[in-house]
C-alpha atoms as a PDB file:
ATOM      1  CA  UNK A   1      84.322  94.737 134.931  1.00  0.00           C
ATOM      2  CA  UNK A   2      86.553  97.656 134.310  1.00  0.00           C
ATOM      3  CA  UNK A   3      89.446  96.018 136.451  1.00  0.00           C
ATOM      4  CA  UNK A   4      89.040  92.756 134.494  1.00  0.00           C
ATOM      5  CA  UNK A   5      89.458  94.607 131.145  1.00  0.00           C
ATOM      6  CA  UNK A   6      92.496  96.599 132.484  1.00  0.00           C
ATOM      7  CA  UNK A   7      94.051  93.514 133.758  1.00  0.00           C
ATOM      8  CA  UNK A   8      93.619  91.908 130.425  1.00  0.00           C
ATOM      9  CA  UNK A   9      95.258  94.872 128.513  1.00  0.00           C
ATOM     10  CA  UNK A  10      98.100  95.505 130.970  1.00  0.00           C
ATOM     11  CA  UNK A  11      98.992  91.828 130.864  1.00  0.00           C
ATOM     12  CA  UNK A  12      98.862  91.922 127.022  1.00  0.00           C
ATOM     13  CA  UNK A  13     101.205  94.916 126.936  1.00  0.00           C
ATOM     14  CA  UNK A  14     103.552  93.176 129.257  1.00  0.00           C
ATOM     15  CA  UNK A  15     103.461  89.855 127.624  1.00  0.00           C
ATOM     16  CA  UNK A  16     104.538  91.704 124.207  1.00  0.00           C
ATOM     17  CA  UNK A  17     107.881  92.317 126.013  1.00  0.00           C
ATOM     18  CA  UNK A  18     108.267  88.764 126.460  1.00  0.00           C
ATOM     19  CA  UNK A  19     107.560  88.274 122.762  1.00  0.00           C
ATOM     20  CA  UNK A  20     110.059  90.669 121.839  1.00  0.00           C
ATOM     21  CA  UNK A  21     112.549  88.637 123.901  1.00  0.00           C
ATOM     22  CA  UNK A  22     111.562  85.542 121.982  1.00  0.00           C
ATOM     23  CA  UNK A  23     112.104  87.257 118.825  1.00  0.00           C
ATOM     24  CA  UNK A  24     115.542  88.453 119.748  1.00  0.00           C
ATOM     25  CA  UNK A  25     116.217  84.747 120.561  1.00  0.00           C
ATOM     26  CA  UNK A  26     115.397  83.595 116.940  1.00  0.00           C
ATOM     27  CA  UNK A  27     111.729  82.926 117.273  1.00  0.00           C
ATOM     28  CA  UNK A  28     109.947  83.947 114.093  1.00  0.00           C
ATOM     29  CA  UNK A  29     106.907  83.285 111.773  1.00  0.00           C
ATOM     30  CA  UNK A  30     103.948  80.986 112.574  1.00  0.00           C
ATOM     31  CA  UNK A  31     105.506  80.024 115.902  1.00  0.00           C
ATOM     32  CA  UNK A  32     105.550  83.304 117.401  1.00  0.00           C
ATOM     33  CA  UNK A  33     101.990  83.867 115.988  1.00  0.00           C
ATOM     34  CA  UNK A  34     101.000  80.768 117.996  1.00  0.00           C
ATOM     35  CA  UNK A  35     102.585  81.925 121.284  1.00  0.00           C
ATOM     36  CA  UNK A  36     100.922  85.389 120.866  1.00  0.00           C
ATOM     37  CA  UNK A  37      97.609  83.538 120.239  1.00  0.00           C
ATOM     38  CA  UNK A  38      97.977  81.310 123.314  1.00  0.00           C
ATOM     39  CA  UNK A  39      99.349  83.961 125.590  1.00  0.00           C
ATOM     40  CA  UNK A  40      97.577  87.125 124.590  1.00  0.00           C
ATOM     41  CA  UNK A  41      94.606  86.819 122.407  1.00  0.00           C
ATOM     42  CA  UNK A  42      93.329  83.570 124.477  1.00  0.00           C
ATOM     43  CA  UNK A  43      93.096  85.955 127.334  1.00  0.00           C
ATOM     44  CA  UNK A  44      90.986  88.537 125.517  1.00  0.00           C
ATOM     45  CA  UNK A  45      88.551  85.625 124.151  1.00  0.00           C
ATOM     46  CA  UNK A  46      88.247  83.772 127.469  1.00  0.00           C
ATOM     47  CA  UNK A  47      84.540  84.380 128.624  1.00  0.00           C
ATOM     48  CA  UNK A  48      84.277  87.267 126.260  1.00  0.00           C
ATOM     49  CA  UNK A  49      80.635  86.506 125.612  1.00  0.00           C
ATOM     50  CA  UNK A  50      79.885  87.114 129.425  1.00  0.00           C
ATOM     51  CA  UNK A  51      81.652  90.458 129.614  1.00  0.00           C
ATOM     52  CA  UNK A  52      82.086  91.998 126.190  1.00  0.00           C
ATOM     53  CA  UNK A  53      78.689  93.558 126.200  1.00  0.00           C
ATOM     54  CA  UNK A  54      79.671  95.576 129.246  1.00  0.00           C
ATOM     55  CA  UNK A  55      82.958  96.959 127.870  1.00  0.00           C
ATOM     56  CA  UNK A  56      83.054 100.509 127.129  1.00  0.00           C
ATOM     57  CA  UNK A  57      84.091 102.286 123.858  1.00  0.00           C
ATOM     58  CA  UNK A  58      87.176 103.329 125.316  1.00  0.00           C
ATOM     59  CA  UNK A  59      87.996  99.866 126.649  1.00  0.00           C
ATOM     60  CA  UNK A  60      87.256  98.277 123.347  1.00  0.00           C
ATOM     61  CA  UNK A  61      89.703 100.772 121.802  1.00  0.00           C
ATOM     62  CA  UNK A  62      92.415  99.965 124.376  1.00  0.00           C
ATOM     63  CA  UNK A  63      91.986  96.300 123.322  1.00  0.00           C
ATOM     64  CA  UNK A  64      92.111  97.068 119.813  1.00  0.00           C
ATOM     65  CA  UNK A  65      95.249  99.119 120.153  1.00  0.00           C
ATOM     66  CA  UNK A  66      96.855  96.139 121.915  1.00  0.00           C
ATOM     67  CA  UNK A  67      95.828  94.053 118.832  1.00  0.00           C
ATOM     68  CA  UNK A  68      97.292  96.743 116.351  1.00  0.00           C
ATOM     69  CA  UNK A  69     100.608  96.727 118.239  1.00  0.00           C
ATOM     70  CA  UNK A  70     100.875  92.939 117.908  1.00  0.00           C
ATOM     71  CA  UNK A  71     100.056  93.097 114.319  1.00  0.00           C
ATOM     72  CA  UNK A  72     102.499  95.954 113.684  1.00  0.00           C
ATOM     73  CA  UNK A  73     105.367  93.955 115.316  1.00  0.00           C
ATOM     74  CA  UNK A  74     104.377  90.838 113.374  1.00  0.00           C
ATOM     75  CA  UNK A  75     103.278  88.787 116.343  1.00  0.00           C
ATOM     76  CA  UNK A  76      99.852  88.544 114.660  1.00  0.00           C
ATOM     77  CA  UNK A  77      99.173  88.210 110.965  1.00  0.00           C
ATOM     78  CA  UNK A  78      97.879  91.504 109.309  1.00  0.00           C
ATOM     79  CA  UNK A  79      94.399  89.678 108.512  1.00  0.00           C
ATOM     80  CA  UNK A  80      93.674  89.231 112.316  1.00  0.00           C
ATOM     81  CA  UNK A  81      90.010  90.398 113.070  1.00  0.00           C
ATOM     82  CA  UNK A  82      89.328  93.351 115.002  1.00  0.00           C
ATOM     83  CA  UNK A  83      88.089  93.204 118.464  1.00  0.00           C
ATOM     84  CA  UNK A  84      84.345  93.719 117.815  1.00  0.00           C
ATOM     85  CA  UNK A  85      84.443  91.105 115.018  1.00  0.00           C
ATOM     86  CA  UNK A  86      86.223  88.524 117.451  1.00  0.00           C
ATOM     87  CA  UNK A  87      83.445  89.263 119.827  1.00  0.00           C
ATOM     88  CA  UNK A  88      80.569  89.001 117.529  1.00  0.00           C
ATOM     89  CA  UNK A  89      81.903  85.694 116.339  1.00  0.00           C
ATOM     90  CA  UNK A  90      82.325  84.280 119.936  1.00  0.00           C
ATOM     91  CA  UNK A  91      78.753  85.656 120.676  1.00  0.00           C
ATOM     92  CA  UNK A  92      77.171  83.954 117.503  1.00  0.00           C
ATOM     93  CA  UNK A  93      79.097  80.837 118.316  1.00  0.00           C
ATOM     94  CA  UNK A  94      77.722  80.493 121.969  1.00  0.00           C
ATOM     95  CA  UNK A  95      74.187  81.219 120.595  1.00  0.00           C
ATOM     96  CA  UNK A  96      74.368  78.501 118.033  1.00  0.00           C
ATOM     97  CA  UNK A  97      75.475  76.110 120.867  1.00  0.00           C
ATOM     98  CA  UNK A  98      72.705  77.059 123.224  1.00  0.00           C
ATOM     99  CA  UNK A  99      70.202  77.038 120.397  1.00  0.00           C
ATOM    100  CA  UNK A 100      71.367  73.677 119.107  1.00  0.00           C
ATOM    101  CA  UNK A 101      71.587  71.936 122.537  1.00  0.00           C
ATOM    102  CA  UNK A 102      68.266  71.189 124.281  1.00  0.00           C
ATOM    103  CA  UNK A 103      70.177  70.253 127.369  1.00  0.00           C
ATOM    104  CA  UNK A 104      72.389  73.212 127.462  1.00  0.00           C
ATOM    105  CA  UNK A 105      71.786  75.561 130.855  1.00  0.00           C
ATOM    106  CA  UNK A 106      70.757  78.618 128.935  1.00  0.00           C
ATOM    107  CA  UNK A 107      68.506  76.969 126.369  1.00  0.00           C
ATOM    108  CA  UNK A 108      65.236  77.270 128.725  1.00  0.00           C
ATOM    109  CA  UNK A 109      65.856  80.844 128.852  1.00  0.00           C
ATOM    110  CA  UNK A 110      65.523  81.366 124.988  1.00  0.00           C
ATOM    111  CA  UNK A 111      62.224  82.996 123.829  1.00  0.00           C
ATOM    112  CA  UNK A 112      59.803  80.547 121.973  1.00  0.00           C
ATOM    113  CA  UNK A 113      60.087  79.840 118.077  1.00  0.00           C
ATOM    114  CA  UNK A 114      58.152  82.459 115.874  1.00  0.00           C
ATOM    115  CA  UNK A 115      55.962  80.667 113.349  1.00  0.00           C
ATOM    116  CA  UNK A 116      54.931  82.484 110.274  1.00  0.00           C
ATOM    117  CA  UNK A 117      53.156  81.449 107.100  1.00  0.00           C
ATOM    118  CA  UNK A 118      54.902  84.274 104.820  1.00  0.00           C
ATOM    119  CA  UNK A 119      57.969  83.280 102.772  1.00  0.00           C
ATOM    120  CA  UNK A 120      60.413  85.829 104.405  1.00  0.00           C
ATOM    121  CA  UNK A 121      64.118  86.164 104.129  1.00  0.00           C
ATOM    122  CA  UNK A 122      66.425  83.619 106.319  1.00  0.00           C
ATOM    123  CA  UNK A 123      67.227  85.010 109.617  1.00  0.00           C
ATOM    124  CA  UNK A 124      70.013  84.026 112.007  1.00  0.00           C
ATOM    125  CA  UNK A 125      67.313  82.426 114.309  1.00  0.00           C
ATOM    126  CA  UNK A 126      63.444  82.049 114.288  1.00  0.00           C
ATOM    127  CA  UNK A 127      62.893  82.851 117.987  1.00  0.00           C
ATOM    128  CA  UNK A 128      60.538  85.702 118.816  1.00  0.00           C
ATOM    129  CA  UNK A 129      62.017  89.142 119.667  1.00  0.00           C
ATOM    130  CA  UNK A 130      60.787  90.809 122.565  1.00  0.00           C
ATOM    131  CA  UNK A 131      59.225  94.387 122.110  1.00  0.00           C
ATOM    132  CA  UNK A 132      59.985  96.973 124.364  1.00  0.00           C
ATOM    133  CA  UNK A 133      57.428  99.641 124.999  1.00  0.00           C
ATOM    134  CA  UNK A 134      58.685 103.310 125.509  1.00  0.00           C
END
């Protein structure tokens, strides 16, 4: 897993040099943001729900430093989300797809729905949460 994340980070920093070349050739604004999104951040987001949970704090900081550099050089907008927000969004999107599609491969692995007669606050899902004994 560490080699995968290291590869993403190294590729991102190498690609930032190519973005610098694009900028020197006159590419600006939303076009350079689109290229950055397609070349670098798509690599970070690709299959992220499967590996982001295994990333160490140091690796997350390295990914965040890459994004900060891209924002600092105006390759990404200043409002671009941080790495943990990106991963949380991708995780919740995957979970909603699995939950709403009975034919999804992972759907049978979901815990059974929890039924209650109490009027409780809305939750992100209504599945039973497994309890762990210590």
